[in-house]
Amino acid sequence: MPDSAGQTEQLILRASAGDGEAMGQLFATLYPEIKRVARARLAQAGGVTGLNATALVHEGFMRMAEREGLRGESRVQFFAYVGRVLRSIVIDHVRARDAEKRGGGATLLTLSHAESSPEPLLSAVDVIALDDALKRLQAVDPGMYQTAELHFFCGMTIEETALERGVSTRTINREVLKARALLAEWLDAPRR
């Protein structure tokens, strides 16, 4: 990485305070990592029509810069926020696409995390139901939710997630197992 962690943190703080130039520098600096997250989001959504990783990153940047602004004071908060924004964009595209179809139809999302997970998180789920389950996880345990965002959706390894969260790898391993079980249970529950 061409910059130091301290410089990135400073850019995040400045961008959070509304500095547009810092926001541009932050995206330029972290673009490869953000694009990796975008690719993972699109792969999980089974190839959302009309979106590619570059378009998703740019739409995410526009949404954060113009409508929502940047939230967070650290790298981990930044990437968790980026993950939420990208997921939100994918969900919006899925809803728009499904609205065009008569009868809707569920769009499936595979929740397998790259090399670090020996087995998929879940086989396949409705992307909207997954979003609801993640909101529920956030309400139940914000730390576990943050771990799920970083590990499952931002593609960070157990070690990277532990470092970013400032906890041990054992804690992250426990949270990953619990999050996987809770999400699977909630996604398996009959809908009302």
N, C-alpha and C. Protein backbone atom coordinates (compact mmCIF):
# COMPACT_ATOMS: atom_id res chain seq x y z
N MET A 1 0.85 -1.17 0.00
CA MET A 1 0.00 0.00 0.00
C MET A 1 0.90 1.23 0.00
N PRO A 2 0.65 2.18 -0.91
CA PRO A 2 1.55 3.31 -1.05
C PRO A 2 1.52 4.28 0.12
N ASP A 3 0.47 4.30 0.89
CA ASP A 3 0.42 5.24 2.01
C ASP A 3 0.51 4.49 3.32
N SER A 4 0.72 5.24 4.38
CA SER A 4 0.74 4.61 5.69
C SER A 4 -0.68 4.52 6.22
N ALA A 5 -0.86 3.66 7.21
CA ALA A 5 -2.19 3.52 7.82
C ALA A 5 -2.62 4.85 8.42
N GLY A 6 -1.68 5.61 8.96
CA GLY A 6 -1.99 6.91 9.55
C GLY A 6 -2.53 7.90 8.53
N GLN A 7 -1.94 7.88 7.33
CA GLN A 7 -2.43 8.77 6.27
C GLN A 7 -3.85 8.39 5.85
N THR A 8 -4.11 7.09 5.77
CA THR A 8 -5.45 6.63 5.41
C THR A 8 -6.45 7.05 6.47
N GLU A 9 -6.09 6.87 7.72
CA GLU A 9 -6.98 7.28 8.82
C GLU A 9 -7.27 8.77 8.75
N GLN A 10 -6.25 9.58 8.45
CA GLN A 10 -6.45 11.02 8.34
C GLN A 10 -7.39 11.37 7.19
N LEU A 11 -7.23 10.68 6.07
CA LEU A 11 -8.15 10.89 4.94
C LEU A 11 -9.58 10.53 5.32
N ILE A 12 -9.73 9.43 6.05
CA ILE A 12 -11.07 9.00 6.49
C ILE A 12 -11.68 10.06 7.40
N LEU A 13 -10.90 10.57 8.34
CA LEU A 13 -11.41 11.60 9.25
C LEU A 13 -11.79 12.87 8.49
N ARG A 14 -10.94 13.28 7.55
CA ARG A 14 -11.23 14.49 6.77
C ARG A 14 -12.46 14.28 5.90
N ALA A 15 -12.56 13.11 5.26
CA ALA A 15 -13.71 12.83 4.41
C ALA A 15 -14.99 12.77 5.24
N SER A 16 -14.91 12.20 6.44
CA SER A 16 -16.07 12.15 7.33
C SER A 16 -16.54 13.53 7.74
N ALA A 17 -15.60 14.47 7.78
CA ALA A 17 -15.92 15.84 8.15
C ALA A 17 -16.44 16.65 6.96
N GLY A 18 -16.54 16.00 5.78
CA GLY A 18 -17.10 16.67 4.62
C GLY A 18 -16.09 17.20 3.62
N ASP A 19 -14.82 16.85 3.77
CA ASP A 19 -13.78 17.30 2.85
C ASP A 19 -13.84 16.47 1.57
N GLY A 20 -14.36 17.07 0.50
CA GLY A 20 -14.52 16.37 -0.77
C GLY A 20 -13.21 15.93 -1.39
N GLU A 21 -12.18 16.75 -1.24
CA GLU A 21 -10.87 16.41 -1.78
C GLU A 21 -10.32 15.15 -1.08
N ALA A 22 -10.50 15.09 0.23
CA ALA A 22 -10.05 13.91 0.99
C ALA A 22 -10.83 12.67 0.55
N MET A 23 -12.13 12.84 0.26
CA MET A 23 -12.93 11.71 -0.21
C MET A 23 -12.36 11.18 -1.52
N GLY A 24 -12.03 12.06 -2.44
CA GLY A 24 -11.45 11.65 -3.72
C GLY A 24 -10.12 10.96 -3.54
N GLN A 25 -9.27 11.50 -2.67
CA GLN A 25 -7.97 10.89 -2.40
C GLN A 25 -8.13 9.52 -1.75
N LEU A 26 -9.10 9.41 -0.86
CA LEU A 26 -9.35 8.15 -0.17
C LEU A 26 -9.76 7.07 -1.16
N PHE A 27 -10.68 7.41 -2.05
CA PHE A 27 -11.11 6.43 -3.04
C PHE A 27 -9.98 6.07 -4.00
N ALA A 28 -9.17 7.06 -4.39
CA ALA A 28 -8.03 6.77 -5.27
C ALA A 28 -7.05 5.82 -4.58
N THR A 29 -6.80 6.06 -3.30
CA THR A 29 -5.85 5.25 -2.55
C THR A 29 -6.37 3.82 -2.33
N LEU A 30 -7.65 3.71 -2.00
CA LEU A 30 -8.21 2.40 -1.64
C LEU A 30 -9.00 1.75 -2.78
N TYR A 31 -8.95 2.33 -3.98
CA TYR A 31 -9.74 1.83 -5.11
C TYR A 31 -9.58 0.33 -5.35
N PRO A 32 -8.35 -0.21 -5.38
CA PRO A 32 -8.23 -1.66 -5.63
C PRO A 32 -8.95 -2.51 -4.58
N GLU A 33 -8.87 -2.10 -3.33
CA GLU A 33 -9.54 -2.85 -2.28
C GLU A 33 -11.06 -2.70 -2.36
N ILE A 34 -11.52 -1.49 -2.68
CA ILE A 34 -12.96 -1.26 -2.82
C ILE A 34 -13.49 -2.06 -4.01
N LYS A 35 -12.74 -2.10 -5.09
CA LYS A 35 -13.17 -2.86 -6.27
C LYS A 35 -13.23 -4.36 -5.96
N ARG A 36 -12.30 -4.85 -5.14
CA ARG A 36 -12.33 -6.25 -4.73
C ARG A 36 -13.61 -6.54 -3.96
N VAL A 37 -14.01 -5.63 -3.07
CA VAL A 37 -15.25 -5.78 -2.32
C VAL A 37 -16.44 -5.77 -3.29
N ALA A 38 -16.40 -4.87 -4.27
CA ALA A 38 -17.49 -4.79 -5.26
C ALA A 38 -17.60 -6.09 -6.06
N ARG A 39 -16.47 -6.64 -6.48
CA ARG A 39 -16.50 -7.92 -7.22
C ARG A 39 -17.13 -9.01 -6.37
N ALA A 40 -16.78 -9.04 -5.09
CA ALA A 40 -17.34 -10.06 -4.20
C ALA A 40 -18.84 -9.87 -4.07
N ARG A 41 -19.30 -8.63 -3.92
CA ARG A 41 -20.74 -8.36 -3.82
C ARG A 41 -21.47 -8.85 -5.06
N LEU A 42 -20.93 -8.55 -6.22
CA LEU A 42 -21.58 -8.95 -7.47
C LEU A 42 -21.57 -10.46 -7.64
N ALA A 43 -20.48 -11.10 -7.28
CA ALA A 43 -20.42 -12.56 -7.39
C ALA A 43 -21.45 -13.19 -6.46
N GLN A 44 -21.59 -12.64 -5.26
CA GLN A 44 -22.56 -13.17 -4.30
C GLN A 44 -23.98 -12.97 -4.80
N ALA A 45 -24.21 -11.92 -5.57
CA ALA A 45 -25.56 -11.63 -6.06
C ALA A 45 -25.85 -12.36 -7.36
N GLY A 46 -24.93 -13.18 -7.83
CA GLY A 46 -25.17 -13.96 -9.03
C GLY A 46 -25.20 -13.12 -10.30
N GLY A 47 -24.44 -12.04 -10.35
CA GLY A 47 -24.35 -11.23 -11.55
C GLY A 47 -25.57 -10.36 -11.77
N VAL A 48 -25.69 -9.30 -11.01
CA VAL A 48 -26.82 -8.39 -11.14
C VAL A 48 -26.76 -7.72 -12.51
N THR A 49 -27.84 -7.80 -13.24
CA THR A 49 -27.90 -7.23 -14.57
C THR A 49 -27.64 -5.73 -14.53
N GLY A 50 -26.81 -5.26 -15.46
CA GLY A 50 -26.55 -3.84 -15.56
C GLY A 50 -25.47 -3.32 -14.64
N LEU A 51 -24.85 -4.19 -13.87
CA LEU A 51 -23.79 -3.75 -12.97
C LEU A 51 -22.53 -4.56 -13.20
N ASN A 52 -21.40 -3.88 -13.18
CA ASN A 52 -20.11 -4.56 -13.11
C ASN A 52 -19.37 -3.93 -11.95
N ALA A 53 -18.23 -4.47 -11.60
CA ALA A 53 -17.51 -3.99 -10.41
C ALA A 53 -17.17 -2.51 -10.51
N THR A 54 -16.73 -2.07 -11.68
CA THR A 54 -16.37 -0.66 -11.84
C THR A 54 -17.60 0.23 -11.66
N ALA A 55 -18.71 -0.14 -12.28
CA ALA A 55 -19.94 0.65 -12.15
C ALA A 55 -20.41 0.67 -10.69
N LEU A 56 -20.31 -0.47 -10.02
CA LEU A 56 -20.73 -0.55 -8.62
C LEU A 56 -19.88 0.35 -7.74
N VAL A 57 -18.56 0.34 -7.95
CA VAL A 57 -17.66 1.20 -7.16
C VAL A 57 -17.99 2.67 -7.40
N HIS A 58 -18.19 3.02 -8.67
CA HIS A 58 -18.47 4.42 -8.99
C HIS A 58 -19.83 4.86 -8.45
N GLU A 59 -20.82 4.00 -8.56
CA GLU A 59 -22.13 4.34 -8.01
C GLU A 59 -22.04 4.47 -6.48
N GLY A 60 -21.27 3.58 -5.86
CA GLY A 60 -21.06 3.67 -4.41
C GLY A 60 -20.38 4.96 -4.01
N PHE A 61 -19.36 5.34 -4.77
CA PHE A 61 -18.66 6.60 -4.49
C PHE A 61 -19.62 7.78 -4.60
N MET A 62 -20.42 7.79 -5.66
CA MET A 62 -21.37 8.90 -5.86
C MET A 62 -22.39 8.94 -4.72
N ARG A 63 -22.87 7.78 -4.32
CA ARG A 63 -23.86 7.74 -3.25
C ARG A 63 -23.27 8.27 -1.94
N MET A 64 -22.05 7.83 -1.65
CA MET A 64 -21.42 8.28 -0.40
C MET A 64 -21.05 9.75 -0.45
N ALA A 65 -20.56 10.20 -1.58
CA ALA A 65 -20.08 11.58 -1.69
C ALA A 65 -21.23 12.58 -1.79
N GLU A 66 -22.28 12.21 -2.53
CA GLU A 66 -23.33 13.19 -2.78
C GLU A 66 -24.53 13.07 -1.85
N ARG A 67 -24.99 11.86 -1.62
CA ARG A 67 -26.22 11.71 -0.86
C ARG A 67 -25.99 11.42 0.60
N GLU A 68 -25.10 10.49 0.90
CA GLU A 68 -24.98 10.01 2.26
C GLU A 68 -23.77 10.56 2.99
N GLY A 69 -22.71 10.85 2.26
CA GLY A 69 -21.48 11.25 2.92
C GLY A 69 -20.78 10.04 3.51
N LEU A 70 -19.56 10.23 3.92
CA LEU A 70 -18.77 9.15 4.48
C LEU A 70 -19.02 9.07 5.97
N ARG A 71 -19.13 7.85 6.46
CA ARG A 71 -19.28 7.66 7.90
C ARG A 71 -18.15 6.77 8.38
N GLY A 72 -17.65 7.09 9.54
CA GLY A 72 -16.60 6.28 10.13
C GLY A 72 -15.36 7.09 10.42
N GLU A 73 -14.61 6.59 11.37
CA GLU A 73 -13.39 7.29 11.77
C GLU A 73 -12.16 6.41 11.63
N SER A 74 -12.35 5.15 11.25
CA SER A 74 -11.22 4.25 11.11
C SER A 74 -11.37 3.44 9.83
N ARG A 75 -10.33 2.78 9.46
CA ARG A 75 -10.32 1.95 8.26
C ARG A 75 -11.39 0.86 8.35
N VAL A 76 -11.52 0.23 9.52
CA VAL A 76 -12.51 -0.84 9.67
C VAL A 76 -13.92 -0.28 9.52
N GLN A 77 -14.19 0.89 10.09
CA GLN A 77 -15.51 1.50 9.95
C GLN A 77 -15.75 1.91 8.50
N PHE A 78 -14.72 2.41 7.84
CA PHE A 78 -14.84 2.79 6.44
C PHE A 78 -15.23 1.59 5.58
N PHE A 79 -14.52 0.47 5.74
CA PHE A 79 -14.81 -0.69 4.89
C PHE A 79 -16.15 -1.33 5.26
N ALA A 80 -16.53 -1.28 6.50
CA ALA A 80 -17.86 -1.77 6.88
C ALA A 80 -18.92 -0.90 6.21
N TYR A 81 -18.70 0.39 6.20
CA TYR A 81 -19.64 1.31 5.56
C TYR A 81 -19.68 1.09 4.05
N VAL A 82 -18.52 0.96 3.44
CA VAL A 82 -18.46 0.69 2.00
C VAL A 82 -19.23 -0.59 1.68
N GLY A 83 -19.03 -1.62 2.50
CA GLY A 83 -19.74 -2.88 2.28
C GLY A 83 -21.25 -2.70 2.34
N ARG A 84 -21.72 -1.91 3.31
CA ARG A 84 -23.17 -1.66 3.42
C ARG A 84 -23.70 -0.89 2.22
N VAL A 85 -22.95 0.13 1.79
CA VAL A 85 -23.39 0.94 0.65
C VAL A 85 -23.45 0.08 -0.61
N LEU A 86 -22.41 -0.72 -0.84
CA LEU A 86 -22.40 -1.57 -2.03
C LEU A 86 -23.52 -2.60 -1.98
N ARG A 87 -23.76 -3.18 -0.80
CA ARG A 87 -24.87 -4.13 -0.66
C ARG A 87 -26.20 -3.44 -0.95
N SER A 88 -26.34 -2.22 -0.47
CA SER A 88 -27.56 -1.46 -0.70
C SER A 88 -27.79 -1.22 -2.20
N ILE A 89 -26.74 -0.89 -2.93
CA ILE A 89 -26.85 -0.66 -4.36
C ILE A 89 -27.24 -1.95 -5.08
N VAL A 90 -26.60 -3.05 -4.71
CA VAL A 90 -26.94 -4.34 -5.32
C VAL A 90 -28.41 -4.66 -5.04
N ILE A 91 -28.85 -4.46 -3.81
CA ILE A 91 -30.25 -4.74 -3.46
C ILE A 91 -31.20 -3.86 -4.27
N ASP A 92 -30.85 -2.58 -4.43
CA ASP A 92 -31.68 -1.69 -5.25
C ASP A 92 -31.79 -2.21 -6.68
N HIS A 93 -30.67 -2.66 -7.24
CA HIS A 93 -30.69 -3.19 -8.61
C HIS A 93 -31.48 -4.49 -8.70
N VAL A 94 -31.35 -5.34 -7.70
CA VAL A 94 -32.12 -6.59 -7.68
C VAL A 94 -33.61 -6.29 -7.60
N ARG A 95 -33.98 -5.37 -6.73
CA ARG A 95 -35.40 -5.01 -6.60
C ARG A 95 -35.93 -4.43 -7.90
N ALA A 96 -35.16 -3.56 -8.53
CA ALA A 96 -35.60 -2.95 -9.79
C ALA A 96 -35.74 -4.02 -10.87
N ARG A 97 -34.78 -4.92 -10.94
CA ARG A 97 -34.85 -5.98 -11.94
C ARG A 97 -36.03 -6.90 -11.68
N ASP A 98 -36.23 -7.28 -10.42
CA ASP A 98 -37.32 -8.19 -10.09
C ASP A 98 -38.68 -7.53 -10.27
N ALA A 99 -38.73 -6.21 -10.08
CA ALA A 99 -39.99 -5.50 -10.27
C ALA A 99 -40.42 -5.53 -11.73
N GLU A 100 -39.46 -5.64 -12.63
CA GLU A 100 -39.77 -5.70 -14.05
C GLU A 100 -40.36 -7.04 -14.45
N LYS A 101 -40.06 -8.05 -13.68
CA LYS A 101 -40.58 -9.39 -13.99
C LYS A 101 -41.97 -9.52 -13.39
N ARG A 102 -42.84 -10.14 -14.11
CA ARG A 102 -44.18 -10.41 -13.54
C ARG A 102 -43.99 -11.44 -12.43
N GLY A 103 -44.56 -11.15 -11.29
CA GLY A 103 -44.46 -12.09 -10.18
C GLY A 103 -43.16 -11.98 -9.42
N GLY A 104 -42.29 -11.07 -9.80
CA GLY A 104 -41.05 -10.86 -9.05
C GLY A 104 -40.05 -11.97 -9.24
N GLY A 105 -40.05 -12.93 -8.34
CA GLY A 105 -39.06 -13.99 -8.40
C GLY A 105 -37.89 -13.65 -7.52
N ALA A 106 -37.46 -14.57 -6.74
CA ALA A 106 -36.36 -14.33 -5.81
C ALA A 106 -35.03 -14.41 -6.53
N THR A 107 -34.14 -13.52 -6.19
CA THR A 107 -32.79 -13.56 -6.70
C THR A 107 -31.92 -14.22 -5.65
N LEU A 108 -31.17 -15.21 -6.07
CA LEU A 108 -30.38 -15.96 -5.11
C LEU A 108 -28.98 -15.39 -4.97
N LEU A 109 -28.47 -15.50 -3.77
CA LEU A 109 -27.16 -14.97 -3.44
C LEU A 109 -26.38 -16.08 -2.75
N THR A 110 -25.22 -16.40 -3.28
CA THR A 110 -24.39 -17.42 -2.67
C THR A 110 -23.48 -16.75 -1.66
N LEU A 111 -23.48 -17.26 -0.46
CA LEU A 111 -22.69 -16.68 0.61
C LEU A 111 -21.48 -17.53 0.91
N SER A 112 -20.62 -17.68 -0.04
CA SER A 112 -19.40 -18.42 0.25
C SER A 112 -18.27 -17.41 0.26
N HIS A 113 -17.46 -17.49 1.26
CA HIS A 113 -16.34 -16.57 1.36
C HIS A 113 -15.12 -17.27 0.75
N ALA A 114 -14.41 -16.57 -0.06
CA ALA A 114 -13.28 -17.07 -0.82
C ALA A 114 -12.50 -18.21 -0.16
N GLU A 115 -11.20 -18.05 -0.08
CA GLU A 115 -10.35 -19.15 0.38
C GLU A 115 -10.39 -19.40 1.87
N SER A 116 -10.76 -18.41 2.65
CA SER A 116 -10.61 -18.55 4.09
C SER A 116 -11.72 -19.37 4.74
N SER A 117 -12.84 -19.58 4.05
CA SER A 117 -13.90 -20.39 4.63
C SER A 117 -13.85 -21.78 4.03
N PRO A 118 -13.74 -22.82 4.85
CA PRO A 118 -13.68 -24.16 4.32
C PRO A 118 -15.01 -24.60 3.71
N GLU A 119 -16.10 -23.98 4.12
CA GLU A 119 -17.40 -24.33 3.58
C GLU A 119 -18.17 -23.05 3.37
N PRO A 120 -19.18 -23.07 2.50
CA PRO A 120 -19.93 -21.85 2.27
C PRO A 120 -20.65 -21.41 3.54
N LEU A 121 -20.85 -20.10 3.66
CA LEU A 121 -21.63 -19.57 4.78
C LEU A 121 -23.01 -20.20 4.75
N LEU A 122 -23.66 -20.11 3.64
CA LEU A 122 -24.97 -20.69 3.40
C LEU A 122 -24.98 -21.10 1.94
N SER A 123 -25.88 -21.96 1.58
CA SER A 123 -25.89 -22.38 0.18
C SER A 123 -26.34 -21.25 -0.72
N ALA A 124 -27.60 -20.87 -0.67
CA ALA A 124 -28.09 -19.77 -1.48
C ALA A 124 -29.28 -19.16 -0.78
N VAL A 125 -29.39 -17.86 -0.82
CA VAL A 125 -30.48 -17.19 -0.14
C VAL A 125 -30.97 -16.02 -0.97
N ASP A 126 -32.14 -15.57 -0.67
CA ASP A 126 -32.72 -14.39 -1.28
C ASP A 126 -31.93 -13.18 -0.76
N VAL A 127 -31.48 -12.33 -1.65
CA VAL A 127 -30.64 -11.19 -1.28
C VAL A 127 -31.38 -10.23 -0.34
N ILE A 128 -32.67 -10.09 -0.50
CA ILE A 128 -33.45 -9.21 0.37
C ILE A 128 -33.56 -9.82 1.77
N ALA A 129 -33.80 -11.11 1.84
CA ALA A 129 -33.87 -11.80 3.15
C ALA A 129 -32.53 -11.72 3.86
N LEU A 130 -31.44 -11.83 3.10
CA LEU A 130 -30.11 -11.72 3.70
C LEU A 130 -29.92 -10.33 4.31
N ASP A 131 -30.33 -9.30 3.59
CA ASP A 131 -30.20 -7.95 4.12
C ASP A 131 -30.98 -7.81 5.42
N ASP A 132 -32.19 -8.36 5.47
CA ASP A 132 -33.00 -8.31 6.70
C ASP A 132 -32.30 -9.06 7.84
N ALA A 133 -31.72 -10.22 7.52
CA ALA A 133 -31.02 -11.01 8.55
C ALA A 133 -29.80 -10.26 9.06
N LEU A 134 -29.09 -9.56 8.18
CA LEU A 134 -27.92 -8.80 8.61
C LEU A 134 -28.33 -7.63 9.52
N LYS A 135 -29.44 -6.99 9.21
CA LYS A 135 -29.93 -5.92 10.09
C LYS A 135 -30.28 -6.48 11.47
N ARG A 136 -30.85 -7.66 11.47
CA ARG A 136 -31.19 -8.31 12.74
C ARG A 136 -29.92 -8.66 13.52
N LEU A 137 -28.90 -9.17 12.81
CA LEU A 137 -27.63 -9.48 13.46
C LEU A 137 -27.00 -8.22 14.05
N GLN A 138 -27.10 -7.11 13.34
CA GLN A 138 -26.53 -5.85 13.85
C GLN A 138 -27.23 -5.43 15.14
N ALA A 139 -28.54 -5.65 15.21
CA ALA A 139 -29.28 -5.28 16.42
C ALA A 139 -28.92 -6.20 17.59
N VAL A 140 -28.69 -7.47 17.30
CA VAL A 140 -28.38 -8.45 18.34
C VAL A 140 -26.96 -8.30 18.86
N ASP A 141 -26.00 -8.14 17.94
CA ASP A 141 -24.59 -8.08 18.33
C ASP A 141 -23.81 -7.26 17.31
N PRO A 142 -23.61 -5.97 17.58
CA PRO A 142 -22.91 -5.11 16.62
C PRO A 142 -21.50 -5.59 16.27
N GLY A 143 -20.79 -6.15 17.24
CA GLY A 143 -19.44 -6.66 16.97
C GLY A 143 -19.46 -7.84 16.01
N MET A 144 -20.39 -8.75 16.22
CA MET A 144 -20.51 -9.91 15.35
C MET A 144 -20.94 -9.47 13.95
N TYR A 145 -21.81 -8.48 13.90
CA TYR A 145 -22.24 -7.92 12.61
C TYR A 145 -21.03 -7.34 11.87
N GLN A 146 -20.21 -6.60 12.59
CA GLN A 146 -19.02 -5.99 11.97
C GLN A 146 -18.08 -7.08 11.46
N THR A 147 -17.92 -8.14 12.23
CA THR A 147 -17.10 -9.26 11.78
C THR A 147 -17.67 -9.87 10.51
N ALA A 148 -18.99 -10.08 10.47
CA ALA A 148 -19.63 -10.65 9.29
C ALA A 148 -19.42 -9.75 8.08
N GLU A 149 -19.60 -8.45 8.25
CA GLU A 149 -19.40 -7.50 7.15
C GLU A 149 -17.98 -7.60 6.61
N LEU A 150 -17.00 -7.55 7.51
CA LEU A 150 -15.61 -7.52 7.09
C LEU A 150 -15.16 -8.85 6.51
N HIS A 151 -15.53 -9.94 7.15
CA HIS A 151 -15.03 -11.25 6.73
C HIS A 151 -15.81 -11.81 5.54
N PHE A 152 -17.14 -11.88 5.67
CA PHE A 152 -17.94 -12.50 4.62
C PHE A 152 -18.08 -11.60 3.40
N PHE A 153 -18.27 -10.31 3.62
CA PHE A 153 -18.65 -9.44 2.52
C PHE A 153 -17.56 -8.53 2.02
N CYS A 154 -16.61 -8.16 2.87
CA CYS A 154 -15.49 -7.35 2.40
C CYS A 154 -14.30 -8.22 2.04
N GLY A 155 -14.39 -9.51 2.33
CA GLY A 155 -13.35 -10.46 1.92
C GLY A 155 -12.09 -10.44 2.76
N MET A 156 -12.14 -9.86 3.94
CA MET A 156 -10.95 -9.86 4.80
C MET A 156 -10.75 -11.24 5.42
N THR A 157 -9.51 -11.62 5.59
CA THR A 157 -9.19 -12.88 6.25
C THR A 157 -9.51 -12.76 7.73
N ILE A 158 -9.46 -13.88 8.43
CA ILE A 158 -9.67 -13.88 9.88
C ILE A 158 -8.64 -12.95 10.53
N GLU A 159 -7.39 -13.06 10.10
CA GLU A 159 -6.33 -12.25 10.69
C GLU A 159 -6.55 -10.77 10.42
N GLU A 160 -6.91 -10.41 9.18
CA GLU A 160 -7.16 -9.01 8.85
C GLU A 160 -8.35 -8.46 9.64
N THR A 161 -9.39 -9.29 9.75
CA THR A 161 -10.57 -8.87 10.50
C THR A 161 -10.22 -8.63 11.97
N ALA A 162 -9.44 -9.55 12.54
CA ALA A 162 -9.03 -9.40 13.94
C ALA A 162 -8.21 -8.13 14.13
N LEU A 163 -7.29 -7.89 13.22
CA LEU A 163 -6.45 -6.70 13.29
C LEU A 163 -7.30 -5.44 13.17
N GLU A 164 -8.19 -5.41 12.22
CA GLU A 164 -9.04 -4.24 12.02
C GLU A 164 -9.97 -3.99 13.20
N ARG A 165 -10.48 -5.08 13.80
CA ARG A 165 -11.40 -4.93 14.94
C ARG A 165 -10.66 -4.76 16.26
N GLY A 166 -9.36 -5.08 16.30
CA GLY A 166 -8.60 -4.96 17.53
C GLY A 166 -8.90 -6.04 18.53
N VAL A 167 -9.24 -7.24 18.04
CA VAL A 167 -9.52 -8.39 18.90
C VAL A 167 -8.69 -9.57 18.42
N SER A 168 -8.74 -10.65 19.17
CA SER A 168 -7.94 -11.84 18.82
C SER A 168 -8.58 -12.61 17.67
N THR A 169 -7.77 -13.42 17.02
CA THR A 169 -8.29 -14.27 15.94
C THR A 169 -9.27 -15.30 16.50
N ARG A 170 -9.06 -15.72 17.75
CA ARG A 170 -10.02 -16.65 18.37
C ARG A 170 -11.40 -16.02 18.49
N THR A 171 -11.43 -14.75 18.87
CA THR A 171 -12.70 -14.05 18.97
C THR A 171 -13.38 -13.98 17.60
N ILE A 172 -12.61 -13.66 16.58
CA ILE A 172 -13.17 -13.57 15.22
C ILE A 172 -13.66 -14.94 14.77
N ASN A 173 -12.89 -15.98 15.03
CA ASN A 173 -13.34 -17.33 14.66
C ASN A 173 -14.67 -17.68 15.33
N ARG A 174 -14.79 -17.35 16.61
CA ARG A 174 -16.06 -17.61 17.33
C ARG A 174 -17.20 -16.81 16.71
N GLU A 175 -16.93 -15.53 16.44
CA GLU A 175 -17.98 -14.69 15.87
C GLU A 175 -18.39 -15.15 14.48
N VAL A 176 -17.43 -15.61 13.69
CA VAL A 176 -17.74 -16.12 12.35
C VAL A 176 -18.66 -17.33 12.46
N LEU A 177 -18.34 -18.25 13.36
CA LEU A 177 -19.17 -19.44 13.53
C LEU A 177 -20.57 -19.07 14.03
N LYS A 178 -20.64 -18.16 15.00
CA LYS A 178 -21.95 -17.74 15.52
C LYS A 178 -22.76 -17.01 14.45
N ALA A 179 -22.11 -16.10 13.73
CA ALA A 179 -22.82 -15.34 12.69
C ALA A 179 -23.34 -16.27 11.61
N ARG A 180 -22.51 -17.22 11.21
CA ARG A 180 -22.91 -18.19 10.18
C ARG A 180 -24.15 -18.96 10.66
N ALA A 181 -24.14 -19.41 11.92
CA ALA A 181 -25.26 -20.19 12.46
C ALA A 181 -26.52 -19.33 12.58
N LEU A 182 -26.37 -18.11 13.11
CA LEU A 182 -27.54 -17.23 13.26
C LEU A 182 -28.15 -16.87 11.91
N LEU A 183 -27.31 -16.48 10.96
CA LEU A 183 -27.83 -16.11 9.65
C LEU A 183 -28.51 -17.30 8.99
N ALA A 184 -27.91 -18.47 9.11
CA ALA A 184 -28.53 -19.66 8.52
C ALA A 184 -29.88 -19.94 9.16
N GLU A 185 -29.94 -19.81 10.49
CA GLU A 185 -31.20 -20.05 11.21
C GLU A 185 -32.26 -19.04 10.79
N TRP A 186 -31.90 -17.77 10.75
CA TRP A 186 -32.87 -16.74 10.41
C TRP A 186 -33.31 -16.83 8.96
N LEU A 187 -32.43 -17.24 8.10
CA LEU A 187 -32.79 -17.35 6.67
C LEU A 187 -33.60 -18.61 6.39
N ASP A 188 -33.49 -19.58 7.28
CA ASP A 188 -34.25 -20.82 7.15
C ASP A 188 -35.65 -20.70 7.76
N ALA A 189 -35.83 -19.72 8.64
CA ALA A 189 -37.11 -19.56 9.34
C ALA A 189 -38.21 -19.24 8.33
N PRO A 190 -39.40 -19.79 8.57
CA PRO A 190 -40.50 -19.49 7.66
C PRO A 190 -40.84 -18.01 7.68
N ARG A 191 -41.13 -17.46 6.50
CA ARG A 191 -41.47 -16.04 6.40
C ARG A 191 -42.91 -15.80 6.75
N ARG A 192 -43.15 -14.66 7.36
CA ARG A 192 -44.52 -14.31 7.75
C ARG A 192 -45.05 -13.23 6.86
